[in-house]
PDB file of N, CA and C in Angstrom:
ATOM      1  N   MET A   1     -34.468  39.048  71.227  1.00  0.00           N
ATOM      2  CA  MET A   1     -33.842  40.254  71.715  1.00  0.00           C
ATOM      3  C   MET A   1     -34.839  41.035  72.551  1.00  0.00           C
ATOM      4  N   PRO A   2     -34.688  40.997  73.836  1.00  0.00           N
ATOM      5  CA  PRO A   2     -35.681  41.658  74.666  1.00  0.00           C
ATOM      6  C   PRO A   2     -35.501  43.173  74.811  1.00  0.00           C
ATOM      7  N   HIS A   3     -34.347  43.728  74.445  1.00  0.00           N
ATOM      8  CA  HIS A   3     -34.144  45.179  74.558  1.00  0.00           C
ATOM      9  C   HIS A   3     -34.033  45.816  73.184  1.00  0.00           C
ATOM     10  N   MET A   4     -34.433  47.084  73.117  1.00  0.00           N
ATOM     11  CA  MET A   4     -34.410  47.803  71.852  1.00  0.00           C
ATOM     12  C   MET A   4     -34.229  49.288  72.135  1.00  0.00           C
ATOM     13  N   LEU A   5     -33.469  49.974  71.284  1.00  0.00           N
ATOM     14  CA  LEU A   5     -33.323  51.432  71.366  1.00  0.00           C
ATOM     15  C   LEU A   5     -33.909  52.035  70.108  1.00  0.00           C
ATOM     16  N   ILE A   6     -34.673  53.112  70.270  1.00  0.00           N
ATOM     17  CA  ILE A   6     -35.098  53.899  69.114  1.00  0.00           C
ATOM     18  C   ILE A   6     -34.687  55.335  69.382  1.00  0.00           C
ATOM     19  N   SER A   7     -34.449  56.090  68.319  1.00  0.00           N
ATOM     20  CA  SER A   7     -34.011  57.472  68.510  1.00  0.00           C
ATOM     21  C   SER A   7     -34.423  58.334  67.333  1.00  0.00           C
ATOM     22  N   THR A   8     -34.390  59.643  67.566  1.00  0.00           N
ATOM     23  CA  THR A   8     -34.637  60.620  66.516  1.00  0.00           C
ATOM     24  C   THR A   8     -33.947  61.913  66.901  1.00  0.00           C
ATOM     25  N   GLN A   9     -33.699  62.747  65.934  1.00  0.00           N
ATOM     26  CA  GLN A   9     -33.123  64.068  66.196  1.00  0.00           C
ATOM     27  C   GLN A   9     -34.237  64.981  66.705  1.00  0.00           C
ATOM     28  N   ILE A  10     -33.938  65.860  67.643  1.00  0.00           N
ATOM     29  CA  ILE A  10     -34.940  66.744  68.239  1.00  0.00           C
ATOM     30  C   ILE A  10     -35.661  67.551  67.165  1.00  0.00           C
ATOM     31  N   ARG A  11     -34.940  68.042  66.205  1.00  0.00           N
ATOM     32  CA  ARG A  11     -35.582  68.850  65.169  1.00  0.00           C
ATOM     33  C   ARG A  11     -36.398  67.998  64.196  1.00  0.00           C
ATOM     34  N   LEU A  12     -36.302  66.668  64.334  1.00  0.00           N
ATOM     35  CA  LEU A  12     -37.014  65.762  63.427  1.00  0.00           C
ATOM     36  C   LEU A  12     -37.988  64.859  64.175  1.00  0.00           C
ATOM     37  N   GLU A  13     -38.603  65.374  65.243  1.00  0.00           N
ATOM     38  CA  GLU A  13     -39.480  64.502  66.031  1.00  0.00           C
ATOM     39  C   GLU A  13     -40.692  64.016  65.254  1.00  0.00           C
ATOM     40  N   THR A  14     -40.844  64.490  64.017  1.00  0.00           N
ATOM     41  CA  THR A  14     -41.912  63.962  63.155  1.00  0.00           C
ATOM     42  C   THR A  14     -41.380  62.851  62.258  1.00  0.00           C
ATOM     43  N   GLY A  15     -40.136  62.448  62.448  1.00  0.00           N
ATOM     44  CA  GLY A  15     -39.522  61.372  61.691  1.00  0.00           C
ATOM     45  C   GLY A  15     -38.391  61.909  60.848  1.00  0.00           C
ATOM     46  N   PRO A  16     -37.524  61.074  60.343  1.00  0.00           N
ATOM     47  CA  PRO A  16     -37.520  59.620  60.487  1.00  0.00           C
ATOM     48  C   PRO A  16     -37.076  59.194  61.886  1.00  0.00           C
ATOM     49  N   THR A  17     -37.284  57.915  62.176  1.00  0.00           N
ATOM     50  CA  THR A  17     -36.911  57.351  63.464  1.00  0.00           C
ATOM     51  C   THR A  17     -35.935  56.207  63.243  1.00  0.00           C
ATOM     52  N   ASN A  18     -34.834  56.218  63.967  1.00  0.00           N
ATOM     53  CA  ASN A  18     -33.867  55.130  63.939  1.00  0.00           C
ATOM     54  C   ASN A  18     -34.425  54.035  64.847  1.00  0.00           C
ATOM     55  N   VAL A  19     -34.597  52.823  64.313  1.00  0.00           N
ATOM     56  CA  VAL A  19     -35.242  51.761  65.094  1.00  0.00           C
ATOM     57  C   VAL A  19     -34.353  50.549  65.352  1.00  0.00           C
ATOM     58  N   GLY A  20     -33.122  50.565  64.860  1.00  0.00           N
ATOM     59  CA  GLY A  20     -32.276  49.413  65.124  1.00  0.00           C
ATOM     60  C   GLY A  20     -30.934  49.489  64.435  1.00  0.00           C
ATOM     61  N   ASP A  21     -30.095  48.500  64.759  1.00  0.00           N
ATOM     62  CA  ASP A  21     -28.791  48.393  64.125  1.00  0.00           C
ATOM     63  C   ASP A  21     -28.718  47.071  63.365  1.00  0.00           C
ATOM     64  N   GLU A  22     -27.550  46.765  62.849  1.00  0.00           N
ATOM     65  CA  GLU A  22     -27.398  45.576  62.012  1.00  0.00           C
ATOM     66  C   GLU A  22     -27.658  44.272  62.756  1.00  0.00           C
ATOM     67  N   TYR A  23     -27.693  44.306  64.078  1.00  0.00           N
ATOM     68  CA  TYR A  23     -27.941  43.106  64.877  1.00  0.00           C
ATOM     69  C   TYR A  23     -29.389  43.005  65.361  1.00  0.00           C
ATOM     70  N   SER A  24     -30.246  43.910  64.936  1.00  0.00           N
ATOM     71  CA  SER A  24     -31.646  43.923  65.377  1.00  0.00           C
ATOM     72  C   SER A  24     -32.411  42.729  64.823  1.00  0.00           C
ATOM     73  N   ASP A  25     -33.474  42.363  65.524  1.00  0.00           N
ATOM     74  CA  ASP A  25     -34.323  41.243  65.125  1.00  0.00           C
ATOM     75  C   ASP A  25     -34.978  41.547  63.778  1.00  0.00           C
ATOM     76  N   PRO A  26     -34.679  40.767  62.741  1.00  0.00           N
ATOM     77  CA  PRO A  26     -35.251  41.035  61.417  1.00  0.00           C
ATOM     78  C   PRO A  26     -36.776  40.987  61.395  1.00  0.00           C
ATOM     79  N   ALA A  27     -37.381  40.151  62.232  1.00  0.00           N
ATOM     80  CA  ALA A  27     -38.848  40.057  62.264  1.00  0.00           C
ATOM     81  C   ALA A  27     -39.451  41.365  62.782  1.00  0.00           C
ATOM     82  N   VAL A  28     -38.844  41.958  63.805  1.00  0.00           N
ATOM     83  CA  VAL A  28     -39.339  43.226  64.348  1.00  0.00           C
ATOM     84  C   VAL A  28     -39.123  44.338  63.327  1.00  0.00           C
ATOM     85  N   MET A  29     -37.969  44.336  62.678  1.00  0.00           N
ATOM     86  CA  MET A  29     -37.681  45.366  61.674  1.00  0.00           C
ATOM     87  C   MET A  29     -38.669  45.268  60.508  1.00  0.00           C
ATOM     88  N   ASN A  30     -38.996  44.057  60.099  1.00  0.00           N
ATOM     89  CA  ASN A  30     -39.981  43.841  59.035  1.00  0.00           C
ATOM     90  C   ASN A  30     -41.353  44.334  59.477  1.00  0.00           C
ATOM     91  N   TYR A  31     -41.738  44.022  60.717  1.00  0.00           N
ATOM     92  CA  TYR A  31     -43.020  44.468  61.271  1.00  0.00           C
ATOM     93  C   TYR A  31     -43.132  45.990  61.243  1.00  0.00           C
ATOM     94  N   LEU A  32     -42.027  46.671  61.558  1.00  0.00           N
ATOM     95  CA  LEU A  32     -42.028  48.134  61.576  1.00  0.00           C
ATOM     96  C   LEU A  32     -41.937  48.734  60.175  1.00  0.00           C
ATOM     97  N   GLY A  33     -41.607  47.912  59.188  1.00  0.00           N
ATOM     98  CA  GLY A  33     -41.426  48.420  57.833  1.00  0.00           C
ATOM     99  C   GLY A  33     -40.134  49.203  57.688  1.00  0.00           C
ATOM    100  N   ALA A  34     -39.119  48.812  58.472  1.00  0.00           N
ATOM    101  CA  ALA A  34     -37.849  49.544  58.492  1.00  0.00           C
ATOM    102  C   ALA A  34     -36.980  49.178  57.290  1.00  0.00           C
ATOM    103  N   ARG A  35     -36.178  50.144  56.856  1.00  0.00           N
ATOM    104  CA  ARG A  35     -35.219  49.905  55.788  1.00  0.00           C
ATOM    105  C   ARG A  35     -33.808  50.013  56.366  1.00  0.00           C
ATOM    106  N   LYS A  36     -32.943  49.114  55.935  1.00  0.00           N
ATOM    107  CA  LYS A  36     -31.569  49.063  56.425  1.00  0.00           C
ATOM    108  C   LYS A  36     -30.707  49.963  55.544  1.00  0.00           C
ATOM    109  N   THR A  37     -29.953  50.867  56.180  1.00  0.00           N
ATOM    110  CA  THR A  37     -29.100  51.787  55.430  1.00  0.00           C
ATOM    111  C   THR A  37     -27.720  51.846  56.071  1.00  0.00           C
ATOM    112  N   THR A  38     -26.748  52.163  55.243  1.00  0.00           N
ATOM    113  CA  THR A  38     -25.386  52.408  55.719  1.00  0.00           C
ATOM    114  C   THR A  38     -24.979  53.780  55.222  1.00  0.00           C
ATOM    115  N   MET A  39     -24.742  54.691  56.146  1.00  0.00           N
ATOM    116  CA  MET A  39     -24.348  56.047  55.780  1.00  0.00           C
ATOM    117  C   MET A  39     -22.901  56.044  55.283  1.00  0.00           C
ATOM    118  N   LEU A  40     -22.620  56.877  54.310  1.00  0.00           N
ATOM    119  CA  LEU A  40     -21.287  56.994  53.752  1.00  0.00           C
ATOM    120  C   LEU A  40     -20.284  57.306  54.863  1.00  0.00           C
ATOM    121  N   GLY A  41     -19.241  56.521  54.943  1.00  0.00           N
ATOM    122  CA  GLY A  41     -18.212  56.722  55.961  1.00  0.00           C
ATOM    123  C   GLY A  41     -18.398  55.873  57.207  1.00  0.00           C
ATOM    124  N   ASN A  42     -19.608  55.308  57.411  1.00  0.00           N
ATOM    125  CA  ASN A  42     -19.849  54.442  58.567  1.00  0.00           C
ATOM    126  C   ASN A  42     -19.518  52.998  58.210  1.00  0.00           C
ATOM    127  N   ASN A  43     -19.046  52.233  59.185  1.00  0.00           N
ATOM    128  CA  ASN A  43     -18.789  50.817  58.962  1.00  0.00           C
ATOM    129  C   ASN A  43     -19.855  49.956  59.645  1.00  0.00           C
ATOM    130  N   PHE A  44     -21.053  50.505  59.824  1.00  0.00           N
ATOM    131  CA  PHE A  44     -22.175  49.796  60.430  1.00  0.00           C
ATOM    132  C   PHE A  44     -23.461  50.223  59.736  1.00  0.00           C
ATOM    133  N   SER A  45     -24.491  49.407  59.884  1.00  0.00           N
ATOM    134  CA  SER A  45     -25.793  49.693  59.279  1.00  0.00           C
ATOM    135  C   SER A  45     -26.798  50.043  60.360  1.00  0.00           C
ATOM    136  N   GLU A  46     -27.832  50.774  59.966  1.00  0.00           N
ATOM    137  CA  GLU A  46     -28.930  51.139  60.863  1.00  0.00           C
ATOM    138  C   GLU A  46     -30.250  50.914  60.140  1.00  0.00           C
ATOM    139  N   TYR A  47     -31.302  50.675  60.919  1.00  0.00           N
ATOM    140  CA  TYR A  47     -32.654  50.566  60.379  1.00  0.00           C
ATOM    141  C   TYR A  47     -33.406  51.854  60.678  1.00  0.00           C
ATOM    142  N   HIS A  48     -34.126  52.369  59.688  1.00  0.00           N
ATOM    143  CA  HIS A  48     -34.909  53.596  59.831  1.00  0.00           C
ATOM    144  C   HIS A  48     -36.324  53.395  59.313  1.00  0.00           C
ATOM    145  N   VAL A  49     -37.256  54.150  59.885  1.00  0.00           N
ATOM    146  CA  VAL A  49     -38.617  54.263  59.351  1.00  0.00           C
ATOM    147  C   VAL A  49     -38.913  55.745  59.171  1.00  0.00           C
ATOM    148  N   ASP A  50     -39.835  56.076  58.298  1.00  0.00           N
ATOM    149  CA  ASP A  50     -40.189  57.477  58.077  1.00  0.00           C
ATOM    150  C   ASP A  50     -41.153  58.017  59.126  1.00  0.00           C
ATOM    151  N   GLU A  51     -41.733  57.147  59.920  1.00  0.00           N
ATOM    152  CA  GLU A  51     -42.741  57.553  60.898  1.00  0.00           C
ATOM    153  C   GLU A  51     -42.112  58.225  62.115  1.00  0.00           C
ATOM    154  N   PRO A  52     -42.894  59.053  62.820  1.00  0.00           N
ATOM    155  CA  PRO A  52     -42.393  59.675  64.057  1.00  0.00           C
ATOM    156  C   PRO A  52     -42.295  58.643  65.185  1.00  0.00           C
ATOM    157  N   PRO A  53     -41.484  58.928  66.194  1.00  0.00           N
ATOM    158  CA  PRO A  53     -41.304  57.986  67.300  1.00  0.00           C
ATOM    159  C   PRO A  53     -42.610  57.566  67.967  1.00  0.00           C
ATOM    160  N   ARG A  54     -43.568  58.466  68.096  1.00  0.00           N
ATOM    161  CA  ARG A  54     -44.835  58.114  68.761  1.00  0.00           C
ATOM    162  C   ARG A  54     -45.514  56.949  68.064  1.00  0.00           C
ATOM    163  N   LEU A  55     -45.550  56.953  66.742  1.00  0.00           N
ATOM    164  CA  LEU A  55     -46.180  55.852  66.008  1.00  0.00           C
ATOM    165  C   LEU A  55     -45.375  54.564  66.132  1.00  0.00           C
ATOM    166  N   VAL A  56     -44.047  54.689  66.140  1.00  0.00           N
ATOM    167  CA  VAL A  56     -43.187  53.515  66.330  1.00  0.00           C
ATOM    168  C   VAL A  56     -43.419  52.913  67.707  1.00  0.00           C
ATOM    169  N   LEU A  57     -43.478  53.764  68.740  1.00  0.00           N
ATOM    170  CA  LEU A  57     -43.725  53.280  70.101  1.00  0.00           C
ATOM    171  C   LEU A  57     -45.081  52.583  70.203  1.00  0.00           C
ATOM    172  N   ASP A  58     -46.102  53.126  69.530  1.00  0.00           N
ATOM    173  CA  ASP A  58     -47.425  52.493  69.530  1.00  0.00           C
ATOM    174  C   ASP A  58     -47.365  51.104  68.902  1.00  0.00           C
ATOM    175  N   LYS A  59     -46.649  50.976  67.783  1.00  0.00           N
ATOM    176  CA  LYS A  59     -46.525  49.671  67.115  1.00  0.00           C
ATOM    177  C   LYS A  59     -45.784  48.671  68.000  1.00  0.00           C
ATOM    178  N   LEU A  60     -44.714  49.133  68.635  1.00  0.00           N
ATOM    179  CA  LEU A  60     -43.928  48.231  69.478  1.00  0.00           C
ATOM    180  C   LEU A  60     -44.707  47.789  70.718  1.00  0.00           C
ATOM    181  N   GLU A  61     -45.560  48.658  71.234  1.00  0.00           N
ATOM    182  CA  GLU A  61     -46.387  48.276  72.380  1.00  0.00           C
ATOM    183  C   GLU A  61     -47.312  47.117  72.008  1.00  0.00           C
ATOM    184  N   LYS A  62     -47.807  47.117  70.780  1.00  0.00           N
ATOM    185  CA  LYS A  62     -48.721  46.064  70.329  1.00  0.00           C
ATOM    186  C   LYS A  62     -48.062  44.685  70.298  1.00  0.00           C
ATOM    187  N   ILE A  63     -46.730  44.643  70.220  1.00  0.00           N
ATOM    188  CA  ILE A  63     -46.055  43.344  70.214  1.00  0.00           C
ATOM    189  C   ILE A  63     -45.290  43.094  71.522  1.00  0.00           C
ATOM    190  N   GLY A  64     -45.667  43.831  72.560  1.00  0.00           N
ATOM    191  CA  GLY A  64     -45.169  43.513  73.897  1.00  0.00           C
ATOM    192  C   GLY A  64     -43.998  44.322  74.409  1.00  0.00           C
ATOM    193  N   PHE A  65     -43.548  45.324  73.675  1.00  0.00           N
ATOM    194  CA  PHE A  65     -42.463  46.170  74.175  1.00  0.00           C
ATOM    195  C   PHE A  65     -43.015  47.249  75.091  1.00  0.00           C
ATOM    196  N   ARG A  66     -42.235  47.585  76.126  1.00  0.00           N
ATOM    197  CA  ARG A  66     -42.583  48.646  77.063  1.00  0.00           C
ATOM    198  C   ARG A  66     -41.398  49.594  77.201  1.00  0.00           C
ATOM    199  N   VAL A  67     -41.664  50.901  77.301  1.00  0.00           N
ATOM    200  CA  VAL A  67     -40.595  51.877  77.488  1.00  0.00           C
ATOM    201  C   VAL A  67     -40.034  51.714  78.898  1.00  0.00           C
ATOM    202  N   VAL A  68     -38.712  51.572  78.983  1.00  0.00           N
ATOM    203  CA  VAL A  68     -38.028  51.481  80.269  1.00  0.00           C
ATOM    204  C   VAL A  68     -37.579  52.879  80.687  1.00  0.00           C
ATOM    205  N   THR A  69     -36.999  53.605  79.757  1.00  0.00           N
ATOM    206  CA  THR A  69     -36.527  54.955  80.047  1.00  0.00           C
ATOM    207  C   THR A  69     -36.411  55.751  78.750  1.00  0.00           C
ATOM    208  N   MET A  70     -36.325  57.053  78.894  1.00  0.00           N
ATOM    209  CA  MET A  70     -36.184  57.959  77.752  1.00  0.00           C
ATOM    210  C   MET A  70     -35.269  59.078  78.193  1.00  0.00           C
ATOM    211  N   THR A  71     -34.431  59.552  77.272  1.00  0.00           N
ATOM    212  CA  THR A  71     -33.523  60.643  77.609  1.00  0.00           C
ATOM    213  C   THR A  71     -33.193  61.459  76.367  1.00  0.00           C
ATOM    214  N   GLY A  72     -32.620  62.603  76.590  1.00  0.00           N
ATOM    215  CA  GLY A  72     -32.084  63.414  75.511  1.00  0.00           C
ATOM    216  C   GLY A  72     -30.578  63.412  75.602  1.00  0.00           C
ATOM    217  N   VAL A  73     -29.916  63.165  74.473  1.00  0.00           N
ATOM    218  CA  VAL A  73     -28.455  63.166  74.422  1.00  0.00           C
ATOM    219  C   VAL A  73     -28.065  64.154  73.338  1.00  0.00           C
ATOM    220  N   GLY A  74     -27.608  65.339  73.730  1.00  0.00           N
ATOM    221  CA  GLY A  74     -27.318  66.376  72.746  1.00  0.00           C
ATOM    222  C   GLY A  74     -28.605  66.754  72.025  1.00  0.00           C
ATOM    223  N   GLN A  75     -28.626  66.591  70.732  1.00  0.00           N
ATOM    224  CA  GLN A  75     -29.814  66.899  69.923  1.00  0.00           C
ATOM    225  C   GLN A  75     -30.605  65.642  69.569  1.00  0.00           C
ATOM    226  N   THR A  76     -30.378  64.542  70.297  1.00  0.00           N
ATOM    227  CA  THR A  76     -31.017  63.266  69.996  1.00  0.00           C
ATOM    228  C   THR A  76     -31.922  62.831  71.147  1.00  0.00           C
ATOM    229  N   LEU A  77     -33.106  62.357  70.808  1.00  0.00           N
ATOM    230  CA  LEU A  77     -34.011  61.742  71.785  1.00  0.00           C
ATOM    231  C   LEU A  77     -33.867  60.229  71.669  1.00  0.00           C
ATOM    232  N   VAL A  78     -33.733  59.532  72.805  1.00  0.00           N
ATOM    233  CA  VAL A  78     -33.508  58.088  72.803  1.00  0.00           C
ATOM    234  C   VAL A  78     -34.486  57.424  73.766  1.00  0.00           C
ATOM    235  N   TRP A  79     -35.129  56.345  73.305  1.00  0.00           N
ATOM    236  CA  TRP A  79     -36.012  55.527  74.128  1.00  0.00           C
ATOM    237  C   TRP A  79     -35.416  54.136  74.243  1.00  0.00           C
ATOM    238  N   CYS A  80     -35.394  53.588  75.452  1.00  0.00           N
ATOM    239  CA  CYS A  80     -34.981  52.204  75.671  1.00  0.00           C
ATOM    240  C   CYS A  80     -36.239  51.411  75.985  1.00  0.00           C
ATOM    241  N   LEU A  81     -36.447  50.320  75.255  1.00  0.00           N
ATOM    242  CA  LEU A  81     -37.633  49.488  75.437  1.00  0.00           C
ATOM    243  C   LEU A  81     -37.236  48.071  75.810  1.00  0.00           C
ATOM    244  N   HIS A  82     -38.144  47.372  76.460  1.00  0.00           N
ATOM    245  CA  HIS A  82     -37.914  45.980  76.845  1.00  0.00           C
ATOM    246  C   HIS A  82     -39.149  45.160  76.518  1.00  0.00           C
ATOM    247  N   GLN A  83     -38.914  43.944  76.066  1.00  0.00           N
ATOM    248  CA  GLN A  83     -40.009  43.019  75.764  1.00  0.00           C
ATOM    249  C   GLN A  83     -39.866  41.812  76.679  1.00  0.00           C
ATOM    250  N   GLU A  84     -40.878  41.564  77.488  1.00  0.00           N
ATOM    251  CA  GLU A  84     -40.861  40.412  78.392  1.00  0.00           C
ATOM    252  C   GLU A  84     -40.923  39.128  77.587  1.00  0.00           C
ATOM    253  N   LYS A  85     -40.160  38.159  78.009  1.00  0.00           N
ATOM    254  CA  LYS A  85     -40.254  36.842  77.386  1.00  0.00           C
ATOM    255  C   LYS A  85     -41.433  36.110  78.005  1.00  0.00           C
ATOM    256  N   VAL A  86     -42.165  35.396  77.185  1.00  0.00           N
ATOM    257  CA  VAL A  86     -43.297  34.618  77.690  1.00  0.00           C
ATOM    258  C   VAL A  86     -42.743  33.316  78.237  1.00  0.00           C
ATOM    259  N   ARG A  87     -42.964  33.082  79.512  1.00  0.00           N
ATOM    260  CA  ARG A  87     -42.486  31.850  80.132  1.00  0.00           C
ATOM    261  C   ARG A  87     -43.418  30.706  79.773  1.00  0.00           C
ATOM    262  N   GLU A  88     -42.859  29.524  79.764  1.00  0.00           N
ATOM    263  CA  GLU A  88     -43.628  28.341  79.367  1.00  0.00           C
ATOM    264  C   GLU A  88     -44.928  28.209  80.158  1.00  0.00           C
ATOM    265  N   ARG A  89     -44.858  28.396  81.470  1.00  0.00           N
ATOM    266  CA  ARG A  89     -46.060  28.187  82.277  1.00  0.00           C
ATOM    267  C   ARG A  89     -47.100  29.286  82.075  1.00  0.00           C
ATOM    268  N   GLU A  90     -46.700  30.433  81.508  1.00  0.00           N
ATOM    269  CA  GLU A  90     -47.638  31.523  81.287  1.00  0.00           C
ATOM    270  C   GLU A  90     -48.348  31.415  79.940  1.00  0.00           C
ATOM    271  N   ARG A  91     -47.850  30.529  79.088  1.00  0.00           N
ATOM    272  CA  ARG A  91     -48.480  30.375  77.786  1.00  0.00           C
ATOM    273  C   ARG A  91     -49.812  29.659  77.947  1.00  0.00           C
ATOM    274  N   PRO A  92     -50.785  30.030  77.134  1.00  0.00           N
ATOM    275  CA  PRO A  92     -52.064  29.331  77.236  1.00  0.00           C
ATOM    276  C   PRO A  92     -51.885  27.872  76.841  1.00  0.00           C
ATOM    277  N   PRO A  93     -52.582  26.971  77.513  1.00  0.00           N
ATOM    278  CA  PRO A  93     -52.438  25.552  77.190  1.00  0.00           C
ATOM    279  C   PRO A  93     -52.925  25.276  75.771  1.00  0.00           C
ATOM    280  N   GLN A  94     -52.251  24.346  75.120  1.00  0.00           N
ATOM    281  CA  GLN A  94     -52.666  23.977  73.775  1.00  0.00           C
ATOM    282  C   GLN A  94     -53.895  23.085  73.865  1.00  0.00           C
ATOM    283  N   VAL A  95     -54.845  23.345  72.997  1.00  0.00           N
ATOM    284  CA  VAL A  95     -56.058  22.545  72.959  1.00  0.00           C
ATOM    285  C   VAL A  95     -55.792  21.352  72.055  1.00  0.00           C
ATOM    286  N   THR A  96     -55.943  20.180  72.608  1.00  0.00           N
ATOM    287  CA  THR A  96     -55.752  18.972  71.803  1.00  0.00           C
ATOM    288  C   THR A  96     -57.069  18.220  71.755  1.00  0.00           C
ATOM    289  N   GLN A  97     -57.298  17.594  70.634  1.00  0.00           N
ATOM    290  CA  GLN A  97     -58.526  16.813  70.487  1.00  0.00           C
ATOM    291  C   GLN A  97     -58.289  15.442  71.087  1.00  0.00           C
ATOM    292  N   GLN A  98     -59.136  15.071  72.034  1.00  0.00           N
ATOM    293  CA  GLN A  98     -58.966  13.783  72.690  1.00  0.00           C
ATOM    294  C   GLN A  98     -59.424  12.670  71.767  1.00  0.00           C
ATOM    295  N   GLN A  99     -58.651  11.592  71.787  1.00  0.00           N
ATOM    296  CA  GLN A  99     -59.008  10.420  71.003  1.00  0.00           C
ATOM    297  C   GLN A  99     -60.077   9.639  71.772  1.00  0.00           C
ATOM    298  N   PRO A 100     -61.097   9.140  71.082  1.00  0.00           N
ATOM    299  CA  PRO A 100     -62.120   8.369  71.791  1.00  0.00           C
ATOM    300  C   PRO A 100     -61.526   7.080  72.356  1.00  0.00           C
ATOM    301  N   ASP A 101     -62.024   6.702  73.503  1.00  0.00           N
ATOM    302  CA  ASP A 101     -61.570   5.490  74.178  1.00  0.00           C
ATOM    303  C   ASP A 101     -62.129   4.285  73.409  1.00  0.00           C
ATOM    304  N   SER A 102     -61.272   3.345  73.038  1.00  0.00           N
ATOM    305  CA  SER A 102     -61.711   2.197  72.217  1.00  0.00           C
ATOM    306  C   SER A 102     -62.724   1.316  72.952  1.00  0.00           C
ATOM    307  N   LYS A 103     -62.746   1.320  74.294  1.00  0.00           N
ATOM    308  CA  LYS A 103     -63.703   0.511  75.041  1.00  0.00           C
ATOM    309  C   LYS A 103     -65.129   0.974  74.786  1.00  0.00           C
ATOM    310  N   HIS A 104     -65.311   2.246  74.507  1.00  0.00           N
ATOM    311  CA  HIS A 104     -66.635   2.789  74.330  1.00  0.00           C
ATOM    312  C   HIS A 104     -67.115   2.735  72.891  1.00  0.00           C
ATOM    313  N   LEU A 105     -66.308   2.185  72.005  1.00  0.00           N
ATOM    314  CA  LEU A 105     -66.667   2.150  70.598  1.00  0.00           C
ATOM    315  C   LEU A 105     -67.003   0.732  70.138  1.00  0.00           C
ATOM    316  N   GLN A 106     -67.658  -0.028  70.963  1.00  0.00           N
ATOM    317  CA  GLN A 106     -68.032  -1.391  70.588  1.00  0.00           C
ATOM    318  C   GLN A 106     -69.283  -1.327  69.706  1.00  0.00           C
ATOM    319  N   PRO A 107     -69.323  -2.186  68.677  1.00  0.00           N
ATOM    320  CA  PRO A 107     -70.498  -2.173  67.787  1.00  0.00           C
ATOM    321  C   PRO A 107     -71.763  -2.600  68.545  1.00  0.00           C
ATOM    322  N   ASN A 108     -72.899  -2.060  68.109  1.00  0.00           N
ATOM    323  CA  ASN A 108     -74.185  -2.414  68.715  1.00  0.00           C
ATOM    324  C   ASN A 108     -74.528  -3.851  68.381  1.00  0.00           C
ATOM    325  N   SER A 109     -74.973  -4.557  69.381  1.00  0.00           N
ATOM    326  CA  SER A 109     -75.411  -5.938  69.141  1.00  0.00           C
ATOM    327  C   SER A 109     -76.932  -5.930  69.154  1.00  0.00           C
ATOM    328  N   GLY A 110     -77.484  -5.829  68.048  1.00  0.00           N
ATOM    329  CA  GLY A 110     -78.907  -5.706  68.107  1.00  0.00           C
ATOM    330  C   GLY A 110     -79.625  -5.984  66.931  1.00  0.00           C
TER     331      GLY A 110
END
């Protein structure tokens, strides 16, 4: 999932921070230490952390997310982030141990 939204209420900019919904990447949610909750009356779940958005943004930057845009919607602050996919050719080459050439492993005649 290359895109992610995080949000918080303006009066709660010290946390908690909403970091995902029920379809969010479980590995990212685990990394953030998020807990999945369903508010009474809602038919969907959300992931939350107790940390302020600044700390969440710092953690997400460490795993390759970048802020695309940020806005205020009513009393809510929302950040949209994107994580670039690593293309095959951009990955570092795997180091493999070369097998010795059998021609060079002849026993000493001596």
